[in-house]
Protein backbone atom coordinates (compact mmCIF):
# COMPACT_ATOMS: atom_id res chain seq x y z
CA MET A 1 203.75 1.28 -65.26
CA ASP A 2 206.10 0.96 -68.34
CA LEU A 3 209.87 1.55 -67.22
CA LEU A 4 210.52 4.25 -69.79
CA VAL A 5 207.44 6.03 -68.75
CA PHE A 6 208.43 5.60 -65.07
CA VAL A 7 211.89 7.21 -65.43
CA LEU A 8 210.90 10.12 -67.79
CA LEU A 9 208.07 11.27 -65.18
CA LEU A 10 210.95 11.18 -62.68
CA ILE A 11 213.12 13.22 -64.79
CA LEU A 12 210.25 15.56 -65.36
CA THR A 13 209.47 15.85 -61.69
CA GLY A 14 213.01 16.34 -61.08
CA ILE A 15 213.23 19.23 -63.81
CA ALA A 16 210.33 21.08 -62.00
CA ALA A 17 211.52 20.58 -58.67
CA GLY A 18 215.35 21.73 -59.18
CA LEU A 19 213.89 25.01 -61.02
CA LEU A 20 211.80 25.85 -57.69
CA GLY A 21 214.73 24.59 -55.67
CA SER A 22 216.93 26.78 -57.23
CA LEU A 23 214.98 29.77 -57.08
CA THR A 24 213.76 29.78 -53.50
CA GLY A 25 216.77 27.76 -52.09
CA LEU A 26 214.40 25.22 -50.71
CA GLY A 27 216.45 22.42 -52.51
CA GLY A 28 213.67 20.82 -54.69
CA ALA A 29 213.46 17.90 -52.69
CA VAL A 30 210.24 19.74 -51.02
CA VAL A 31 208.53 18.73 -54.64
CA VAL A 32 210.28 15.47 -54.93
CA ILE A 33 209.28 13.71 -51.97
CA PRO A 34 205.56 14.52 -51.93
CA VAL A 35 205.29 13.54 -55.44
CA LEU A 36 207.00 10.28 -55.09
CA ILE A 37 204.89 9.58 -52.05
CA VAL A 38 201.39 10.88 -53.53
CA GLY A 39 202.05 10.03 -57.29
CA PHE A 40 204.47 7.03 -57.30
CA GLY A 41 203.47 5.32 -54.01
CA ALA A 42 207.17 5.13 -52.71
CA THR A 43 207.46 4.53 -48.91
CA PHE A 44 208.50 7.46 -46.89
CA PRO A 45 212.17 6.47 -46.17
CA VAL A 46 212.78 5.70 -49.86
CA ALA A 47 211.45 8.89 -50.92
CA ALA A 48 213.53 10.73 -48.29
CA GLY A 49 216.79 8.99 -49.77
CA ALA A 50 216.04 10.15 -53.30
CA GLY A 51 215.03 13.57 -51.98
CA LEU A 52 218.55 14.11 -50.36
CA ILE A 53 220.27 13.04 -53.56
CA THR A 54 218.21 15.39 -55.71
CA ILE A 55 219.47 18.12 -52.97
CA LEU A 56 222.95 17.04 -53.71
CA ALA A 57 222.18 17.64 -57.73
CA THR A 58 220.68 21.17 -57.03
CA SER A 59 223.58 22.22 -54.78
CA SER A 60 226.39 21.12 -57.09
CA THR A 61 224.41 22.68 -60.03
CA THR A 62 223.62 25.85 -58.43
CA GLY A 63 226.35 26.41 -56.05
CA SER A 64 229.12 27.46 -58.86
CA ALA A 65 226.83 29.76 -60.85
CA TYR A 66 225.59 31.71 -57.79
CA VAL A 67 228.96 32.09 -56.46
CA ARG A 68 230.11 33.00 -59.93
CA ASP A 69 227.16 35.64 -59.57
CA GLN A 70 228.87 36.69 -56.12
CA LEU A 71 225.35 35.86 -54.52
CA THR A 72 226.47 33.22 -52.17
CA ASP A 73 228.08 34.10 -48.98
CA LEU A 74 230.54 31.45 -48.63
CA ARG A 75 231.79 32.67 -45.02
CA ILE A 76 228.05 32.81 -43.68
CA GLY A 77 227.37 29.34 -45.20
CA MET A 78 230.67 27.37 -44.09
CA PHE A 79 229.96 28.87 -40.48
CA PHE A 80 226.50 27.35 -40.02
CA GLU A 81 227.45 24.22 -41.33
CA ILE A 82 228.68 23.48 -38.01
CA ALA A 83 225.05 23.46 -36.77
CA THR A 84 223.60 21.82 -39.85
CA VAL A 85 225.62 18.95 -40.22
CA PRO A 86 225.07 17.37 -36.80
CA GLY A 87 221.59 17.77 -36.81
CA ALA A 88 221.42 16.02 -40.16
CA ILE A 89 222.86 12.99 -38.70
CA LEU A 90 220.68 12.95 -35.82
CA GLY A 91 217.72 13.37 -38.12
CA ALA A 92 218.48 10.68 -40.51
CA THR A 93 219.08 8.05 -37.63
CA ALA A 94 215.72 9.15 -36.05
CA THR A 95 214.20 8.14 -39.54
CA VAL A 96 215.71 5.03 -39.87
CA LEU A 97 214.41 3.98 -36.29
CA LEU A 98 210.99 5.49 -36.76
CA THR A 99 210.71 3.24 -39.98
CA HIS A 100 211.61 0.32 -38.20
CA ALA A 101 208.82 1.06 -35.95
CA ASN A 102 206.29 1.24 -38.93
CA LEU A 103 205.52 4.95 -38.33
CA ASN A 104 205.83 6.05 -42.23
CA ALA A 105 202.21 7.68 -42.24
CA ALA A 106 203.13 9.59 -38.88
CA LEU A 107 206.51 10.79 -40.75
CA SER A 108 204.25 12.05 -43.98
CA VAL A 109 201.78 13.98 -41.53
CA ALA A 110 204.76 15.40 -39.46
CA LEU A 111 206.27 16.48 -42.82
CA GLY A 112 203.39 18.48 -44.28
CA ILE A 113 202.88 20.28 -40.61
CA VAL A 114 206.80 21.16 -40.96
CA LEU A 115 206.19 22.88 -44.38
CA LEU A 116 202.69 24.45 -43.32
CA GLY A 117 204.84 25.90 -40.14
CA ILE A 118 207.03 28.23 -42.41
CA LEU A 119 204.26 29.91 -44.80
CA PRO A 120 202.97 32.66 -42.08
CA GLY A 121 206.55 34.20 -41.94
CA SER A 122 206.80 34.25 -45.75
CA VAL A 123 203.66 35.62 -45.96
CA ARG A 124 204.14 38.48 -43.61
CA ARG A 125 207.12 39.68 -45.38
CA ARG A 126 206.11 39.13 -48.73
CA HIS A 127 205.98 42.96 -49.81
CA GLU A 128 209.76 43.25 -48.31
CA GLU A 129 212.45 43.84 -51.22
CA LEU A 130 215.51 44.56 -48.82
CA PRO A 131 215.77 44.51 -45.12
CA GLU A 132 215.97 47.85 -43.27
CA GLY A 133 217.52 48.75 -39.69
CA VAL A 134 219.77 45.75 -39.62
CA VAL A 135 222.05 45.52 -36.39
CA PRO A 136 224.91 43.07 -36.49
CA ASP A 137 225.69 41.16 -33.18
CA ARG A 138 229.19 40.93 -31.61
CA ARG A 139 229.90 37.68 -33.19
CA SER A 140 228.80 38.82 -36.89
CA LYS A 141 231.29 41.70 -36.21
CA SER A 142 234.08 39.64 -35.16
CA LEU A 143 233.70 36.77 -37.83
CA GLY A 144 233.30 39.32 -40.77
CA LEU A 145 229.62 38.13 -41.56
CA TYR A 146 228.71 40.71 -43.94
CA GLY A 147 229.23 41.30 -47.79
CA GLU A 148 227.88 43.09 -50.81
CA TYR A 149 226.46 42.05 -54.23
CA ARG A 150 225.38 43.82 -57.24
CA ASP A 151 221.95 43.64 -57.97
CA PRO A 152 220.98 43.60 -61.68
CA VAL A 153 217.50 44.63 -61.45
CA THR A 154 218.13 47.63 -59.27
CA GLY A 155 221.47 48.29 -61.04
CA ARG A 156 223.13 49.15 -57.89
CA SER A 157 225.40 47.40 -55.22
CA VAL A 158 223.56 46.19 -51.99
CA ARG A 159 225.47 45.84 -48.75
CA TYR A 160 224.31 43.64 -46.08
CA GLU A 161 225.05 42.42 -42.54
CA ALA A 162 224.36 39.33 -40.37
CA ALA A 163 222.24 39.99 -37.26
CA ASP A 164 220.99 37.69 -34.73
CA THR A 165 223.36 34.74 -35.01
CA ASN A 166 222.33 33.20 -31.77
CA SER A 167 218.62 32.50 -33.16
CA ALA A 168 220.09 31.62 -36.59
CA LEU A 169 222.32 29.00 -35.12
CA GLY A 170 219.27 27.33 -33.18
CA VAL A 171 217.20 27.32 -36.20
CA MET A 172 220.05 25.86 -38.74
CA PHE A 173 220.54 22.90 -36.09
CA GLY A 174 216.98 22.24 -36.43
CA ALA A 175 217.13 22.55 -39.95
CA GLY A 176 219.57 19.73 -39.86
CA VAL A 177 217.67 17.65 -38.00
CA ILE A 178 214.54 18.25 -40.41
CA SER A 179 216.82 17.64 -43.35
CA GLY A 180 218.15 14.57 -42.15
CA MET A 181 214.70 13.39 -40.98
CA PHE A 182 212.40 14.12 -44.00
CA GLY A 183 215.02 14.26 -46.82
CA ILE A 184 213.71 17.90 -47.83
CA GLY A 185 217.41 19.69 -47.20
CA ALA A 186 215.20 22.01 -45.15
CA GLY A 187 216.27 24.67 -47.17
CA ILE A 188 212.93 26.34 -46.02
CA PHE A 189 214.43 26.56 -42.47
CA LYS A 190 217.91 27.93 -43.80
CA VAL A 191 216.12 30.55 -45.62
CA LEU A 192 214.17 31.42 -42.56
CA ALA A 193 217.20 31.83 -40.76
CA LEU A 194 218.96 33.62 -43.00
CA ASP A 195 216.13 36.11 -44.17
CA HIS A 196 214.43 36.45 -40.98
CA TYR A 197 217.12 36.20 -38.22
CA LEU A 198 220.31 37.33 -40.17
CA ARG A 199 218.09 39.79 -41.90
CA LEU A 200 220.25 39.04 -45.19
CA PRO A 201 218.43 39.76 -48.95
CA MET A 202 216.17 37.15 -50.10
CA LYS A 203 218.51 36.48 -52.90
CA VAL A 204 221.26 36.12 -50.63
CA SER A 205 219.54 33.67 -48.53
CA THR A 206 218.20 31.47 -51.14
CA SER A 207 221.50 31.10 -52.99
CA THR A 208 223.65 30.66 -49.44
CA SER A 209 220.98 28.12 -48.86
CA ASN A 210 221.49 26.28 -51.73
CA PHE A 211 225.22 26.08 -51.27
CA MET A 212 224.41 24.98 -47.70
CA MET A 213 222.18 22.32 -48.44
CA GLY A 214 224.96 19.92 -50.42
CA VAL A 215 226.62 19.57 -47.51
CA THR A 216 223.72 19.15 -45.11
CA ALA A 217 222.46 16.53 -47.50
CA ALA A 218 225.65 14.29 -47.84
CA ALA A 219 225.66 14.11 -44.19
CA GLY A 220 221.78 12.40 -43.63
CA ALA A 221 222.28 10.73 -47.20
CA GLY A 222 225.09 8.72 -45.78
CA VAL A 223 223.04 7.46 -43.16
CA LEU A 224 219.89 6.60 -45.25
CA LEU A 225 222.53 5.01 -47.69
CA ALA A 226 223.87 2.56 -45.02
CA ALA A 227 220.50 1.66 -43.92
CA GLY A 228 219.35 0.83 -47.81
CA TYR A 229 217.14 3.46 -48.20
CA VAL A 230 218.37 5.13 -51.16
CA ASN A 231 217.15 3.46 -54.44
CA PRO A 232 219.25 4.23 -57.45
CA PHE A 233 216.22 3.25 -59.82
CA VAL A 234 214.40 6.24 -58.22
CA ALA A 235 217.10 8.81 -57.04
CA ALA A 236 219.25 8.72 -60.52
CA PRO A 237 216.44 9.78 -62.79
CA ALA A 238 215.02 12.37 -60.36
CA ALA A 239 218.63 13.73 -59.62
CA MET A 240 219.16 14.09 -63.34
CA GLY A 241 216.01 16.16 -63.86
CA THR A 242 216.78 18.14 -60.71
CA ALA A 243 220.32 19.14 -62.19
CA LEU A 244 218.67 20.47 -65.31
CA GLY A 245 216.04 22.42 -63.62
CA ALA A 246 218.36 23.71 -61.21
CA TYR A 247 220.81 25.39 -64.02
CA VAL A 248 217.80 26.84 -65.31
CA GLY A 249 216.77 28.26 -62.43
CA SER A 250 220.19 29.27 -61.49
CA ARG A 251 220.12 31.46 -64.95
CA VAL A 252 216.82 33.10 -63.92
CA LEU A 253 217.27 34.10 -60.39
CA PRO A 254 219.53 37.28 -60.86
CA GLY A 255 217.07 39.01 -62.98
CA LEU A 256 214.09 38.38 -60.26
CA THR A 257 213.18 40.87 -57.53
CA ASN A 258 213.81 39.66 -54.08
CA ARG A 259 210.06 39.99 -53.31
CA SER A 260 209.27 37.83 -56.48
CA VAL A 261 211.22 35.37 -55.09
CA ARG A 262 209.67 35.13 -51.80
CA LEU A 263 206.04 35.00 -53.54
CA ILE A 264 206.90 32.03 -55.80
CA VAL A 265 207.41 29.42 -52.81
CA VAL A 266 204.23 30.36 -50.58
CA PRO A 267 201.30 28.64 -53.09
CA VAL A 268 203.41 25.76 -53.91
CA VAL A 269 204.68 24.91 -50.46
CA ALA A 270 201.12 25.16 -49.16
CA ALA A 271 199.80 22.72 -51.68
CA LEU A 272 202.27 20.40 -51.20
CA ALA A 273 202.06 20.28 -47.62
CA ILE A 274 198.32 19.67 -47.60
CA GLU A 275 198.31 16.89 -50.00
CA THR A 276 201.11 15.26 -47.91
CA ILE A 277 199.35 15.43 -44.56
CA LEU A 278 196.08 13.85 -46.63
CA ARG A 279 198.11 10.94 -47.96
CA GLY A 280 199.56 10.37 -44.46
CA LEU A 281 196.18 10.23 -43.09
CA GLY A 282 195.13 7.55 -45.69
CA LEU A 283 192.79 10.32 -47.14
CA PRO A 284 192.22 10.93 -51.12
């Protein structure tokens, strides 16, 4: 493949990934990594390394925009980083060890299974606009894990409080492990913890997830970089496109309903998960 065509395709892939990642809080690597493996024939660790770099681009681009729009909850995001960062370091180290054991195909299949595992919860709550009956726990009250934002769609202020912080901390640690291991940022699981366990509005969940992913990805990327799995010729064009797509997505998200945001991600993740599993199994 011609180098210029290769670079342009990577940039276009990054734009699509950044747009999806900023709208859903998934980080964009959930698109970049399967495309690199399936479409470009990249090995799993190289794809994971590029994925973590694109997450840094998405988080950096959307983070300031969502903070400006008062959708990102910085207090909640920073608190749960105490669980995601150690998990990311552990997960990235596991990927290096598994790659040396020639288990790339198994990692691809596991990634697809992980992606499929998050879909049932999203489908069940597809019609929910705002969470109801939220009861904050003691830790949430003592740390002030609550906030408010003005929704331009409804034209009213939306108040929210964090609910089950214990369960959310466990999921966040798992999200960190998966982020470092698969290079996807694990925004899927961060959004799951923020939306399902903390019972935050979906817009707050996705924007806070975008903010958190940059810190988590930096921890995992450092391990893969040291192991030699971050290829700049692959990561740089993808990151450029991701930054552009993320910027567009950050302008679109405030005007969407929480229900619409949830519905965007389900078919995309399902298709990519199935394709990744098939490729890991060596099927067409």
